[in-house]
Structures are given as structure tokens and as C-alpha cells.
Amino acid sequence: IAKVAPNPFGSGGGSMKMWHHVNCIFEVFSKQRATTARIETGDDVEGWDALLPEDQEEILSHVANLAGAEKKGKTTTPKAKQTKQKTPTKAIVTSPATSTTAATKVPKTTATVVSNAATTSDKMHKDNSFREFRRLCADIANASSYLTKTSIVRDFFNKGTEGNGFRGDVLLWCRMLLPGAVKRVYNLQSKQIIKLLSRLFGTSQEEMLEDLEQGDVAETVRVFFEQSKAVKPAKKSLLTLPEVDEFLERLSQLTKEEDQLSHFSQIAEKCTSNDLKMVIRLIKHDLRINAGPKHILEGIHPEAYQAFQTTRDISSVVTRVVPTMSQVGTQSTLGIGVKTLTPVLPMLAEACKSVEQAMRKCPNGMYAEIKYDGERVQVHKQGNEFKFFSRSLKPVLPHKVSHFKDFIPQACSTTQSEPLQRLHSS
């Protein structure tokens, strides 16, 4: 990770990138003053969306550990209100080729699962209220350790809000708790959100943009929503999680500013200021709870995260888990394997420092391939249907791969349905 900082070598000023290992840069953060900029969420990292999910989780785990260390009594100067700096400090990341394991099937062992959860969901039940969603997010954010975060999730899905079993929609909860793993595209950046909501609230766009310099668009929206005279916040939160999900789904389909403004006005009338703050966090794909798929999914089943790594499909994982959640005791494995047309984590090459090291790792010989320059894509073929995914598991733009369809059937004439890797597009 590179920290962009003032250039100490030149008299002309400017900035430079100071590169660190991930653990090293967080060690630097732990020793600096609390008023100095650091990585606190994924929004603080340039190139965050291009990272692999496991790399994002590694960074978030360091963020959580750093926050936990400070809460345990590390004496620091109280964090001051940030002001706009001439040379802002930010982080830039690149993802090196590291050895990761992809499409491995879940081992067949037995494991304890959360119990007493209903397999059907009552949309109006308290377990599906947006207020409870906010409360759970706050509890997870306040927990410093990975095990504590997972335990909080497990207890909630085990007991529910009333203590006698969870009656909410497990899949919906998982999707909402992991907005970065199941991304909708809203085509709304922070300044566009400010522009829309300043019109809705009847407040100054310039003042909102100035407040946005603190770095949290959701908090800016909350503050100015409370000051709004055009639209007043609701006194009590009555929103349900399905209502928010429907709002977000519809928002992802809107591209015109007037349509987006009208859509926001409909939900703003039902929101408290904290409700709308959390809605904005969902739009930004960052709940600021320092928890990723591993924390959440292991809370519903010990093997759910391992299955998710294989399929990258939360729906299929949770669908397997939910029927078992009402059964007390032990349960066999989820047994989820690779699914065609669903991207899997790429198997990256391990870097060797010398030819001799590579030879020692492969004493019985090896295969060699020519690595052509270009963009690597992951190809899935099912009958005559093709899907192409980037290294970060996102669909590849059609114009980049449209010409492949004529040649892949000739190269893989015996392959009816299987994911194919190592295809490069120049």
C-alpha cells in the first residue's frame, strides 16, 4: 500500500508515494497522532474496488485490530475535526500475485449450526425492522475482535430480537450486511448525493460540500437532514428491511436526476436521520462496521464463508443454510462446489525469488506456459452461453470479449460446461 505524503526530498514541494507492506503501514498508523490521516474504511483507499475480496478483508481486519488496540487503553490525542489539507494523505493499493486457493470443495465434516431460527420470514416482524439492522451494525462496529463480531451475528440469528428464535429474512440480512460483496450499481458518487439531497432538504449545497470534507457523506446527510425545513425526519423508525431493499433496487435502475430526487423524497418521509444515514452507507457499499464476508457468514454457519469463497454466490450459500437453521445440534456440511457461470476466486501464481526455488517446489517436473501481455479473464461456458469475468470477479465489458465466442468452441470442443481460466485478452 502506498501512502501519498509530502515529498521530503525536493524544495519544490509536491507529493510522493511511500510504499509499505500491509502490516507495516498499519504499524505506522498505530504510532502516529490521532489527528493524522489514516485508513479507516475502504473509501479511504484509492483502487479499493479493484482489489480481490480477500485482500479487502485483510485490510479491514487490520483496521479493526487498530481500532481495538486504541479502545483498550492506548493513550492517544483525541481525534480533532479534520480540515482540508493542501496535500491530502490517502492510500493507493496494488494487488500483487499471491498464492490463493480457489475452487476447492468444502470438506465433509460435521459442524454445529445456529439454532431456533425460522425458515420463513415475516416482513413486518421486528426481526426485519431497519432499526434492528442499525442496532446490529452498531454492535458489530463497536466489537474490536473478529471472534466477537462473529459471535454477535451468531447470537442475533440464533435468538432474534425476542430471544425465542429469528423470524427475519436471513438472505436479505446477509445481503444488506455485505453491500460490498453483493454490489448494486447506483451511479451516485458522494458529490452527486449531496447535490440531490441539498435540493430535497432545501439546504445550501456549498455548506454540505464543505461538511463533506470531513470524509463521511452519510454523516453529512444526517446533520443536514435534521436541519431541513422542507422535509422533516420521522420521530420514530418504522422502516422495514424489505422496504429499504426495494428502495435500493429501484434506485439502481434510475439514471435521471429528477427521477432519483423523486425516489429519495418517498423514502425520506419515512426515515429518521439515522435511518437515512444508514441508507446512504448502503448506497456507498460501506457500513463502516469493519466486518466482511468471513465475519458475517461464519455467524450463520461455520462453513458458510468457505462455501462462499468457492461459489461467490451468497444466495446459494444461504439457501443451503436456512433449512438447517431450525434444527438444534449438529449438521453435515453444506457441500457447495463450483457452479458454472458463477465466478470463482482466481488461482494466482506464487512468486519465487529464484529459478532454484521454483525447481525445489516442483521436483518431479512442471508445465510451463507463455504469459501473454494483456488482461486476464475467467471464462465460463455452458452449452452455447459464455460469461467472462475479470480478476476481481466482475463481468467483463462485452466489446472486449465478443470475438472470443468464435474461437473458444474450437479450442475446447469437448468442454460442455466448465469454468476455464488463463485466457488473456490483448
Protein backbone atom coordinates (compact mmCIF):
# COMPACT_ATOMS: atom_id res chain seq x y z
CA ILE A 1 0.00 0.00 0.00
CA ALA A 2 1.32 3.45 -0.88
CA LYS A 3 0.71 6.38 1.42
CA VAL A 4 0.64 9.64 -0.51
CA ALA A 5 2.60 12.15 1.57
CA PRO A 6 4.56 15.40 1.10
CA ASN A 7 7.87 14.90 -0.72
CA PRO A 8 10.68 15.39 1.87
CA PHE A 9 13.46 15.49 -0.73
CA GLY A 10 12.61 18.33 -3.09
CA SER A 11 12.48 22.02 -2.30
CA GLY A 12 9.64 22.45 -4.76
CA GLY A 13 7.19 20.56 -2.59
CA GLY A 14 4.84 18.12 -4.27
CA SER A 15 3.99 14.64 -3.05
CA MET A 16 5.31 11.12 -3.38
CA LYS A 17 4.14 7.56 -2.79
CA MET A 18 5.66 5.86 0.26
CA TRP A 19 5.17 2.10 -0.19
CA HIS A 20 4.61 -0.30 2.73
CA HIS A 21 3.60 -3.88 3.33
CA VAL A 22 0.03 -4.03 4.65
CA ASN A 23 1.05 -4.91 8.21
CA CYS A 24 3.85 -2.32 8.12
CA ILE A 25 1.63 0.60 7.17
CA PHE A 26 -0.80 -0.22 9.98
CA GLU A 27 2.13 -0.36 12.38
CA VAL A 28 2.93 3.18 11.22
CA PHE A 29 -0.69 4.19 11.84
CA SER A 30 -0.56 2.78 15.37
CA LYS A 31 2.36 5.07 16.27
CA GLN A 32 1.11 8.30 14.72
CA ARG A 33 -1.03 11.01 16.28
CA ALA A 34 -4.78 10.54 16.23
CA THR A 35 -5.23 13.71 14.16
CA THR A 36 -3.09 12.33 11.32
CA ALA A 37 -4.99 10.82 8.40
CA ARG A 38 -5.13 7.03 8.22
CA ILE A 39 -7.14 4.24 6.62
CA GLU A 40 -10.43 3.90 8.50
CA THR A 41 -12.71 2.47 5.80
CA GLY A 42 -12.48 1.18 2.26
CA ASP A 43 -13.41 4.66 0.98
CA ASP A 44 -10.00 5.89 2.14
CA VAL A 45 -8.20 3.56 -0.28
CA GLU A 46 -7.82 4.50 -3.92
CA GLY A 47 -8.33 1.44 -6.10
CA TRP A 48 -10.39 -0.35 -3.42
CA ASP A 49 -12.91 -1.79 -5.88
CA ALA A 50 -10.11 -3.33 -7.96
CA LEU A 51 -8.85 -5.43 -5.04
CA LEU A 52 -9.73 -9.08 -4.62
CA PRO A 53 -12.28 -9.73 -1.83
CA GLU A 54 -9.70 -11.50 0.37
CA ASP A 55 -7.31 -8.53 0.04
CA GLN A 56 -10.11 -6.19 1.11
CA GLU A 57 -10.81 -8.40 4.12
CA GLU A 58 -7.14 -8.38 5.12
CA ILE A 59 -7.10 -4.58 5.15
CA LEU A 60 -10.40 -4.39 7.07
CA SER A 61 -9.08 -6.84 9.67
CA HIS A 62 -6.07 -4.56 10.24
CA VAL A 63 -8.43 -1.58 10.57
CA ALA A 64 -10.48 -3.45 13.18
CA ASN A 65 -7.38 -4.55 15.10
CA LEU A 66 -6.05 -0.99 15.17
CA ALA A 67 -9.38 0.36 16.42
CA GLY A 68 -9.48 -2.37 19.07
CA ALA A 69 -5.97 -1.58 20.29
CA GLU A 70 -6.87 2.07 20.77
CA LYS A 71 -10.04 1.21 22.70
CA LYS A 72 -8.08 -0.99 25.11
CA GLY A 73 -6.34 1.98 26.64
CA LYS A 74 -3.75 3.12 24.19
CA THR A 75 -3.27 6.80 25.06
CA THR A 76 -3.81 8.98 22.06
CA THR A 77 -4.69 12.59 21.47
CA PRO A 78 -8.46 12.99 20.99
CA LYS A 79 -9.26 12.96 17.32
CA ALA A 80 -9.67 16.53 16.12
CA LYS A 81 -12.02 17.76 13.46
CA GLN A 82 -10.25 17.27 10.16
CA THR A 83 -9.68 20.29 7.95
CA LYS A 84 -8.90 20.43 4.29
CA GLN A 85 -5.17 19.97 3.75
CA LYS A 86 -3.10 21.30 0.89
CA THR A 87 -1.59 17.87 0.40
CA PRO A 88 -4.21 15.27 1.37
CA THR A 89 -2.94 11.94 2.61
CA LYS A 90 -4.52 8.93 1.02
CA ALA A 91 -3.64 5.34 0.33
CA ILE A 92 -3.17 3.68 -3.03
CA VAL A 93 -3.13 -0.07 -3.36
CA THR A 94 -1.93 -2.56 -5.87
CA SER A 95 -2.63 -6.25 -5.60
CA PRO A 96 0.47 -8.43 -6.04
CA ALA A 97 0.22 -12.01 -7.30
CA THR A 98 -0.16 -14.11 -4.20
CA SER A 99 -0.95 -17.77 -3.78
CA THR A 100 -4.62 -18.33 -3.06
CA THR A 101 -6.76 -21.40 -3.21
CA ALA A 102 -9.81 -21.26 -5.43
CA ALA A 103 -12.40 -23.85 -6.41
CA THR A 104 -11.87 -26.36 -3.61
CA LYS A 105 -14.87 -28.29 -2.38
CA VAL A 106 -15.96 -27.98 1.21
CA PRO A 107 -14.62 -30.88 3.29
CA LYS A 108 -17.24 -33.30 4.52
CA THR A 109 -17.23 -32.89 8.26
CA THR A 110 -19.92 -32.13 10.79
CA ALA A 111 -20.35 -28.79 12.46
CA THR A 112 -22.66 -27.04 14.90
CA VAL A 113 -25.02 -24.50 13.38
CA VAL A 114 -27.10 -21.72 14.85
CA SER A 115 -30.46 -22.97 16.00
CA ASN A 116 -34.05 -21.91 16.63
CA ALA A 117 -34.25 -19.75 13.50
CA ALA A 118 -37.43 -19.93 11.47
CA THR A 119 -37.20 -20.84 7.82
CA THR A 120 -39.98 -18.43 6.87
CA SER A 121 -39.81 -14.67 7.16
CA ASP A 122 -42.44 -12.25 8.50
CA LYS A 123 -41.80 -8.94 6.71
CA MET A 124 -43.41 -6.88 9.47
CA HIS A 125 -41.76 -8.74 12.33
CA LYS A 126 -39.32 -6.82 14.48
CA ASP A 127 -36.56 -9.13 13.19
CA ASN A 128 -37.00 -7.44 9.80
CA SER A 129 -37.05 -3.85 11.09
CA PHE A 130 -34.47 -1.40 9.79
CA ARG A 131 -33.93 -0.13 13.32
CA GLU A 132 -32.72 -3.59 14.38
CA PHE A 133 -30.43 -3.63 11.36
CA ARG A 134 -28.89 -0.35 12.52
CA ARG A 135 -28.54 -1.67 16.05
CA LEU A 136 -26.77 -4.84 14.89
CA CYS A 137 -24.40 -2.78 12.72
CA ALA A 138 -23.56 -0.60 15.72
CA ASP A 139 -22.87 -3.66 17.89
CA ILE A 140 -20.60 -5.16 15.23
CA ALA A 141 -18.76 -1.86 14.73
CA ASN A 142 -18.15 -1.50 18.48
CA ALA A 143 -16.69 -5.01 18.76
CA SER A 144 -12.92 -4.98 18.37
CA SER A 145 -12.11 -8.63 17.65
CA TYR A 146 -13.07 -10.92 14.79
CA LEU A 147 -14.44 -13.60 17.14
CA THR A 148 -16.63 -11.10 18.98
CA LYS A 149 -18.10 -9.76 15.73
CA THR A 150 -18.92 -13.29 14.55
CA SER A 151 -20.42 -14.15 17.94
CA ILE A 152 -22.72 -11.10 17.80
CA VAL A 153 -24.00 -12.15 14.38
CA ARG A 154 -24.46 -15.77 15.50
CA ASP A 155 -26.40 -14.77 18.63
CA PHE A 156 -28.70 -12.50 16.63
CA PHE A 157 -29.57 -15.13 14.02
CA ASN A 158 -29.94 -17.70 16.78
CA LYS A 159 -32.17 -15.78 19.20
CA GLY A 160 -33.72 -12.94 17.19
CA THR A 161 -34.88 -9.75 18.85
CA GLU A 162 -37.31 -11.50 21.20
CA GLY A 163 -34.93 -14.24 22.32
CA ASN A 164 -37.07 -17.13 21.07
CA GLY A 165 -35.74 -17.57 17.53
CA PHE A 166 -35.02 -15.47 14.46
CA ARG A 167 -38.03 -14.74 12.25
CA GLY A 168 -36.46 -12.44 9.69
CA ASP A 169 -35.21 -12.97 6.14
CA VAL A 170 -31.71 -14.45 6.55
CA LEU A 171 -30.72 -13.94 2.91
CA LEU A 172 -31.84 -10.31 2.91
CA TRP A 173 -29.96 -9.64 6.14
CA CYS A 174 -26.77 -11.17 4.73
CA ARG A 175 -27.05 -9.17 1.51
CA MET A 176 -27.59 -5.94 3.43
CA LEU A 177 -24.76 -6.63 5.88
CA LEU A 178 -22.43 -7.26 2.93
CA PRO A 179 -23.18 -4.46 0.44
CA GLY A 180 -19.63 -4.70 -0.87
CA ALA A 181 -19.92 -8.40 -1.68
CA VAL A 182 -23.27 -8.13 -3.47
CA LYS A 183 -22.98 -4.84 -5.27
CA ARG A 184 -25.76 -2.91 -6.91
CA VAL A 185 -24.66 -0.05 -9.14
CA TYR A 186 -26.32 3.26 -8.25
CA ASN A 187 -24.27 5.66 -10.40
CA LEU A 188 -24.16 8.07 -7.45
CA GLN A 189 -20.91 9.47 -6.08
CA SER A 190 -20.73 11.46 -2.84
CA LYS A 191 -21.00 14.88 -4.51
CA GLN A 192 -23.97 13.73 -6.58
CA ILE A 193 -25.72 12.55 -3.40
CA ILE A 194 -25.07 15.97 -1.83
CA LYS A 195 -26.45 17.73 -4.91
CA LEU A 196 -29.64 15.66 -4.84
CA LEU A 197 -30.32 15.87 -1.12
CA SER A 198 -29.49 19.57 -0.81
CA ARG A 199 -32.37 20.15 -3.22
CA LEU A 200 -34.62 17.79 -1.26
CA PHE A 201 -33.75 19.35 2.12
CA GLY A 202 -33.76 22.95 0.85
CA THR A 203 -30.28 23.46 2.33
CA SER A 204 -27.11 25.01 0.95
CA GLN A 205 -25.21 22.69 -1.37
CA GLU A 206 -21.99 24.63 -0.67
CA GLU A 207 -22.34 24.15 3.09
CA MET A 208 -23.00 20.44 2.62
CA LEU A 209 -19.93 20.11 0.37
CA GLU A 210 -17.85 21.90 2.98
CA ASP A 211 -19.05 19.47 5.63
CA LEU A 212 -18.31 16.60 3.23
CA GLU A 213 -14.61 17.46 3.55
CA GLN A 214 -14.74 15.58 6.87
CA GLY A 215 -14.91 12.45 4.72
CA ASP A 216 -18.29 10.94 5.64
CA VAL A 217 -21.13 11.70 3.24
CA ALA A 218 -23.61 9.70 5.34
CA GLU A 219 -22.90 11.81 8.44
CA THR A 220 -23.20 14.99 6.35
CA VAL A 221 -26.62 13.84 5.14
CA ARG A 222 -27.72 13.08 8.72
CA VAL A 223 -26.67 16.51 10.02
CA PHE A 224 -28.39 18.48 7.26
CA PHE A 225 -31.48 16.26 7.30
CA GLU A 226 -32.01 17.29 10.92
CA GLN A 227 -31.70 20.95 9.86
CA SER A 228 -34.08 20.56 6.93
CA LYS A 229 -37.26 22.61 6.87
CA ALA A 230 -38.57 21.16 3.62
CA VAL A 231 -38.55 17.51 4.73
CA LYS A 232 -38.66 16.66 8.43
CA PRO A 233 -37.15 13.41 9.76
CA ALA A 234 -39.58 10.89 11.23
CA LYS A 235 -39.64 10.87 15.03
CA LYS A 236 -39.64 7.07 15.22
CA SER A 237 -38.11 4.50 12.90
CA LEU A 238 -40.84 2.44 11.22
CA LEU A 239 -38.92 1.33 8.13
CA THR A 240 -38.52 -2.36 7.39
CA LEU A 241 -35.52 -4.02 5.80
CA PRO A 242 -37.59 -5.20 2.78
CA GLU A 243 -38.73 -1.59 2.18
CA VAL A 244 -35.12 -0.37 2.12
CA ASP A 245 -34.13 -3.23 -0.17
CA GLU A 246 -36.93 -2.33 -2.60
CA PHE A 247 -35.85 1.32 -2.49
CA LEU A 248 -32.24 0.41 -3.31
CA GLU A 249 -33.25 -1.96 -6.09
CA ARG A 250 -35.38 0.73 -7.72
CA LEU A 251 -32.64 3.35 -7.23
CA SER A 252 -30.17 1.14 -9.09
CA GLN A 253 -32.45 1.34 -12.15
CA LEU A 254 -32.72 5.15 -12.18
CA THR A 255 -30.24 7.32 -14.08
CA LYS A 256 -32.01 10.70 -14.40
CA GLU A 257 -31.53 13.23 -11.61
CA GLU A 258 -35.21 14.15 -11.35
CA ASP A 259 -36.23 10.50 -11.06
CA GLN A 260 -33.63 9.91 -8.35
CA LEU A 261 -34.77 13.01 -6.45
CA SER A 262 -38.40 11.90 -6.56
CA HIS A 263 -37.41 8.43 -5.37
CA PHE A 264 -35.41 9.82 -2.43
CA SER A 265 -38.32 12.04 -1.41
CA GLN A 266 -40.57 9.00 -0.99
CA ILE A 267 -38.31 7.23 1.50
CA ALA A 268 -37.06 10.37 3.29
CA GLU A 269 -40.55 10.95 4.69
CA LYS A 270 -40.35 7.59 6.49
CA CYS A 271 -36.75 7.94 7.72
CA THR A 272 -35.30 9.17 10.96
CA SER A 273 -31.99 10.97 10.49
CA ASN A 274 -30.12 7.81 11.49
CA ASP A 275 -32.21 5.73 9.08
CA LEU A 276 -31.23 7.94 6.14
CA LYS A 277 -27.61 7.91 7.29
CA MET A 278 -27.58 4.12 7.08
CA VAL A 279 -29.34 4.15 3.69
CA ILE A 280 -26.51 6.35 2.37
CA ARG A 281 -23.97 3.91 3.83
CA LEU A 282 -25.69 1.11 1.87
CA ILE A 283 -25.54 3.19 -1.31
CA LYS A 284 -21.81 3.74 -0.72
CA HIS A 285 -21.31 -0.03 -0.18
CA ASP A 286 -19.63 0.64 3.17
CA LEU A 287 -21.44 0.23 6.50
CA ARG A 288 -18.27 1.19 8.43
CA ILE A 289 -18.57 -1.81 10.72
CA ASN A 290 -15.14 -3.27 9.89
CA ALA A 291 -16.66 -6.65 9.05
CA GLY A 292 -16.50 -8.63 5.83
CA PRO A 293 -17.99 -11.87 4.49
CA LYS A 294 -15.93 -14.00 6.88
CA HIS A 295 -17.35 -12.29 10.00
CA ILE A 296 -20.96 -12.37 8.80
CA LEU A 297 -21.20 -15.75 7.08
CA GLU A 298 -19.43 -17.72 9.81
CA GLY A 299 -22.08 -16.27 12.11
CA ILE A 300 -24.81 -18.20 10.29
CA HIS A 301 -22.85 -21.42 9.68
CA PRO A 302 -19.22 -22.42 10.38
CA GLU A 303 -18.70 -23.45 6.75
CA ALA A 304 -20.71 -20.70 5.06
CA TYR A 305 -17.70 -18.48 4.35
CA GLN A 306 -15.68 -21.37 2.95
CA ALA A 307 -18.60 -22.21 0.66
CA PHE A 308 -18.90 -18.54 -0.35
CA GLN A 309 -15.22 -18.47 -1.33
CA THR A 310 -15.92 -21.32 -3.72
CA THR A 311 -19.15 -20.04 -5.28
CA ARG A 312 -19.06 -16.26 -4.65
CA ASP A 313 -22.84 -16.62 -4.53
CA ILE A 314 -24.44 -15.59 -1.23
CA SER A 315 -27.89 -16.72 -2.37
CA SER A 316 -26.84 -20.33 -2.95
CA VAL A 317 -24.93 -20.46 0.34
CA VAL A 318 -27.75 -19.03 2.46
CA THR A 319 -30.35 -21.17 0.66
CA ARG A 320 -28.45 -24.24 1.85
CA VAL A 321 -28.04 -22.87 5.37
CA VAL A 322 -31.62 -21.72 6.09
CA PRO A 323 -33.29 -25.18 6.14
CA THR A 324 -30.75 -26.30 8.74
CA MET A 325 -31.11 -23.27 10.99
CA SER A 326 -34.24 -24.57 12.73
CA GLN A 327 -32.50 -27.81 13.69
CA VAL A 328 -30.74 -27.92 17.02
CA GLY A 329 -27.44 -29.77 17.28
CA THR A 330 -25.12 -30.90 14.55
CA GLN A 331 -25.47 -30.77 10.81
CA SER A 332 -23.45 -32.15 7.92
CA THR A 333 -21.53 -29.87 5.61
CA LEU A 334 -23.12 -27.54 3.09
CA GLY A 335 -21.48 -29.43 0.23
CA ILE A 336 -21.37 -26.49 -2.16
CA GLY A 337 -18.92 -26.73 -5.05
CA VAL A 338 -18.03 -24.74 -8.13
CA LYS A 339 -21.04 -23.55 -10.13
CA THR A 340 -20.75 -22.77 -13.82
CA LEU A 341 -21.48 -19.14 -14.77
CA THR A 342 -20.65 -18.03 -11.20
CA PRO A 343 -17.09 -16.61 -10.89
CA VAL A 344 -14.57 -18.28 -8.59
CA LEU A 345 -11.52 -16.79 -6.94
CA PRO A 346 -8.59 -16.94 -9.38
CA MET A 347 -5.67 -19.26 -8.66
CA LEU A 348 -2.73 -16.88 -8.69
CA ALA A 349 0.88 -17.83 -9.20
CA GLU A 350 3.20 -17.84 -6.22
CA ALA A 351 6.21 -15.58 -6.62
CA CYS A 352 9.62 -17.28 -6.41
CA LYS A 353 12.80 -15.35 -5.67
CA SER A 354 14.94 -17.53 -7.90
CA VAL A 355 14.80 -20.27 -10.53
CA GLU A 356 16.30 -22.66 -7.97
CA GLN A 357 13.40 -22.04 -5.58
CA ALA A 358 10.91 -22.87 -8.33
CA MET A 359 12.78 -26.09 -9.13
CA ARG A 360 12.75 -27.15 -5.47
CA LYS A 361 8.98 -26.67 -5.34
CA CYS A 362 8.48 -28.92 -8.38
CA PRO A 363 11.00 -31.78 -8.05
CA ASN A 364 9.01 -34.03 -10.41
CA GLY A 365 8.89 -31.58 -13.28
CA MET A 366 6.50 -28.81 -14.24
CA TYR A 367 4.35 -27.40 -17.01
CA ALA A 368 5.30 -24.03 -18.45
CA GLU A 369 3.01 -21.59 -20.20
CA ILE A 370 3.65 -18.45 -22.17
CA LYS A 371 2.17 -15.50 -20.31
CA TYR A 372 0.97 -13.09 -22.94
CA ASP A 373 0.63 -9.42 -22.21
CA GLY A 374 -2.94 -8.25 -21.75
CA GLU A 375 -5.92 -8.51 -19.44
CA ARG A 376 -6.63 -11.92 -17.93
CA VAL A 377 -10.25 -13.04 -17.91
CA GLN A 378 -12.04 -16.04 -16.44
CA VAL A 379 -14.30 -17.82 -18.93
CA HIS A 380 -17.38 -19.91 -18.14
CA LYS A 381 -19.12 -21.93 -20.83
CA GLN A 382 -22.48 -23.66 -20.51
CA GLY A 383 -23.75 -25.00 -23.80
CA ASN A 384 -23.66 -22.04 -26.16
CA GLU A 385 -23.67 -19.47 -23.35
CA PHE A 386 -20.44 -17.73 -22.37
CA LYS A 387 -19.67 -15.49 -19.41
CA PHE A 388 -16.43 -13.61 -18.87
CA PHE A 389 -15.21 -12.27 -15.53
CA SER A 390 -12.30 -10.04 -14.55
CA ARG A 391 -9.73 -10.88 -11.90
CA SER A 392 -11.89 -9.01 -9.36
CA LEU A 393 -14.86 -11.26 -10.32
CA LYS A 394 -16.74 -8.52 -12.17
CA PRO A 395 -18.31 -9.07 -15.62
CA VAL A 396 -16.04 -8.02 -18.49
CA LEU A 397 -17.38 -5.40 -20.89
CA PRO A 398 -18.89 -7.17 -23.94
CA HIS A 399 -16.84 -5.32 -26.56
CA LYS A 400 -13.62 -6.72 -25.04
CA VAL A 401 -14.60 -10.36 -25.41
CA SER A 402 -17.25 -10.57 -28.13
CA HIS A 403 -14.76 -12.06 -30.64
CA PHE A 404 -13.86 -14.95 -28.30
CA LYS A 405 -17.11 -16.82 -28.95
CA ASP A 406 -15.98 -17.91 -32.40
CA PHE A 407 -12.72 -19.45 -31.22
CA ILE A 408 -13.38 -20.95 -27.77
CA PRO A 409 -15.65 -23.77 -29.08
CA GLN A 410 -12.86 -24.80 -31.48
CA ALA A 411 -10.22 -24.75 -28.74
CA CYS A 412 -12.43 -26.55 -26.19
CA SER A 413 -14.63 -28.73 -28.36
CA THR A 414 -15.08 -31.40 -25.67
CA THR A 415 -15.92 -28.96 -22.88
CA GLN A 416 -19.68 -28.73 -22.41
CA SER A 417 -19.87 -26.96 -19.06
CA GLU A 418 -16.91 -25.86 -17.03
CA PRO A 419 -15.05 -22.75 -15.92
CA LEU A 420 -11.89 -22.10 -17.93
CA GLN A 421 -9.03 -19.97 -16.66
CA ARG A 422 -5.87 -18.37 -18.01
CA LEU A 423 -7.33 -16.65 -21.06
CA HIS A 424 -5.72 -13.34 -21.92
CA SER A 425 -7.22 -10.52 -23.93
CA SER A 426 -4.77 -8.13 -25.55
